[in-house]
Amino acid sequence: MFESVKPPGIEITDENKAICRKYCTICQNYKKHDLHRNEPKELFCARGPSSCQNMKEIGCFCPACELFNKHHLRGGYFCVRR
């Protein structure tokens, strides 16, 4: 089972999930690796990386996300980095 890792300050709410969907679902990593088929399906910055195996970093929309800026996140590729 997937264990979530939640950085401080990012709540797992319906509002934050809706914001996430505006960015993650159009991200190259998300589309290329079919991340909607693996847990977590969204909010990687709050819940940890995808359980998808053998992912490669091919593009990242994290810095454009409202949550990234609001919570002063650093880096990106939250869906991939373990």
Protein backbone atom coordinates (compact mmCIF):
# COMPACT_ATOMS: atom_id res chain seq x y z
CA MET A 1 0.00 0.00 0.00
CA PHE A 2 1.14 3.54 -0.75
CA GLU A 3 2.24 5.61 2.22
CA SER A 4 1.64 9.31 1.89
CA VAL A 5 4.30 11.79 2.89
CA LYS A 6 2.77 15.19 3.57
CA PRO A 7 5.00 18.25 3.76
CA PRO A 8 3.85 20.82 6.33
CA GLY A 9 1.32 23.38 5.16
CA ILE A 10 -0.30 21.59 2.23
CA GLU A 11 -3.74 20.33 3.14
CA ILE A 12 -5.34 17.51 1.18
CA THR A 13 -8.63 19.27 0.46
CA ASP A 14 -11.07 19.24 -2.46
CA GLU A 15 -10.03 22.81 -3.28
CA ASN A 16 -6.32 21.89 -3.43
CA LYS A 17 -7.11 18.78 -5.48
CA ALA A 18 -9.00 20.95 -8.00
CA ILE A 19 -6.01 23.30 -8.29
CA CYS A 20 -3.71 20.33 -8.73
CA ARG A 21 -5.82 18.87 -11.54
CA LYS A 22 -5.38 22.08 -13.55
CA TYR A 23 -1.63 21.47 -13.70
CA CYS A 24 -0.78 17.82 -13.07
CA THR A 25 -3.18 16.41 -15.64
CA ILE A 26 -1.54 18.42 -18.46
CA CYS A 27 2.03 17.70 -17.31
CA GLN A 28 4.24 15.65 -19.65
CA ASN A 29 5.21 13.27 -16.83
CA TYR A 30 1.58 12.72 -15.84
CA LYS A 31 0.42 12.02 -19.40
CA LYS A 32 3.42 9.97 -20.56
CA HIS A 33 3.40 7.66 -17.52
CA ASP A 34 -0.42 7.41 -17.15
CA LEU A 35 -0.20 8.58 -13.55
CA HIS A 36 -3.99 8.53 -13.26
CA ARG A 37 -3.60 4.72 -13.02
CA ASN A 38 -1.37 4.81 -9.91
CA GLU A 39 -1.63 6.15 -6.38
CA PRO A 40 -1.63 8.92 -5.51
CA LYS A 41 -3.39 10.23 -8.59
CA GLU A 42 -2.88 13.90 -7.65
CA LEU A 43 -1.31 16.28 -5.12
CA PHE A 44 2.11 14.67 -5.35
CA CYS A 45 3.59 17.70 -3.56
CA ALA A 46 1.43 16.87 -0.54
CA ARG A 47 1.16 13.08 -0.75
CA GLY A 48 4.48 11.94 -2.18
CA PRO A 49 5.58 10.39 -5.48
CA SER A 50 3.55 8.14 -7.72
CA SER A 51 3.74 4.38 -7.22
CA CYS A 52 4.29 4.07 -10.98
CA GLN A 53 7.46 2.11 -11.71
CA ASN A 54 10.34 3.13 -14.01
CA MET A 55 9.38 6.78 -14.41
CA LYS A 56 11.77 9.25 -16.00
CA GLU A 57 11.73 13.03 -15.62
CA ILE A 58 10.55 14.36 -18.98
CA GLY A 59 8.90 17.66 -18.05
CA CYS A 60 7.48 19.39 -15.02
CA PHE A 61 4.63 21.85 -14.45
CA CYS A 62 5.10 22.05 -10.66
CA PRO A 63 6.63 25.57 -10.66
CA ALA A 64 3.60 26.92 -12.56
CA CYS A 65 1.11 25.54 -10.00
CA GLU A 66 -0.65 27.88 -7.59
CA LEU A 67 0.10 25.49 -4.70
CA PHE A 68 3.83 25.55 -5.52
CA ASN A 69 3.93 29.32 -5.13
CA LYS A 70 1.48 29.58 -2.23
CA HIS A 71 3.43 27.06 -0.12
CA HIS A 72 6.90 28.20 -1.22
CA LEU A 73 7.81 24.76 -2.55
CA ARG A 74 11.22 24.08 -4.05
CA GLY A 75 12.35 21.84 -6.84
CA GLY A 76 9.64 20.04 -8.72
CA TYR A 77 8.97 16.62 -10.21
CA PHE A 78 7.07 15.66 -7.05
CA CYS A 79 5.42 12.81 -8.96
CA VAL A 80 8.79 11.17 -9.67
CA ARG A 81 11.23 11.96 -6.89
CA ARG A 82 11.48 9.29 -4.23
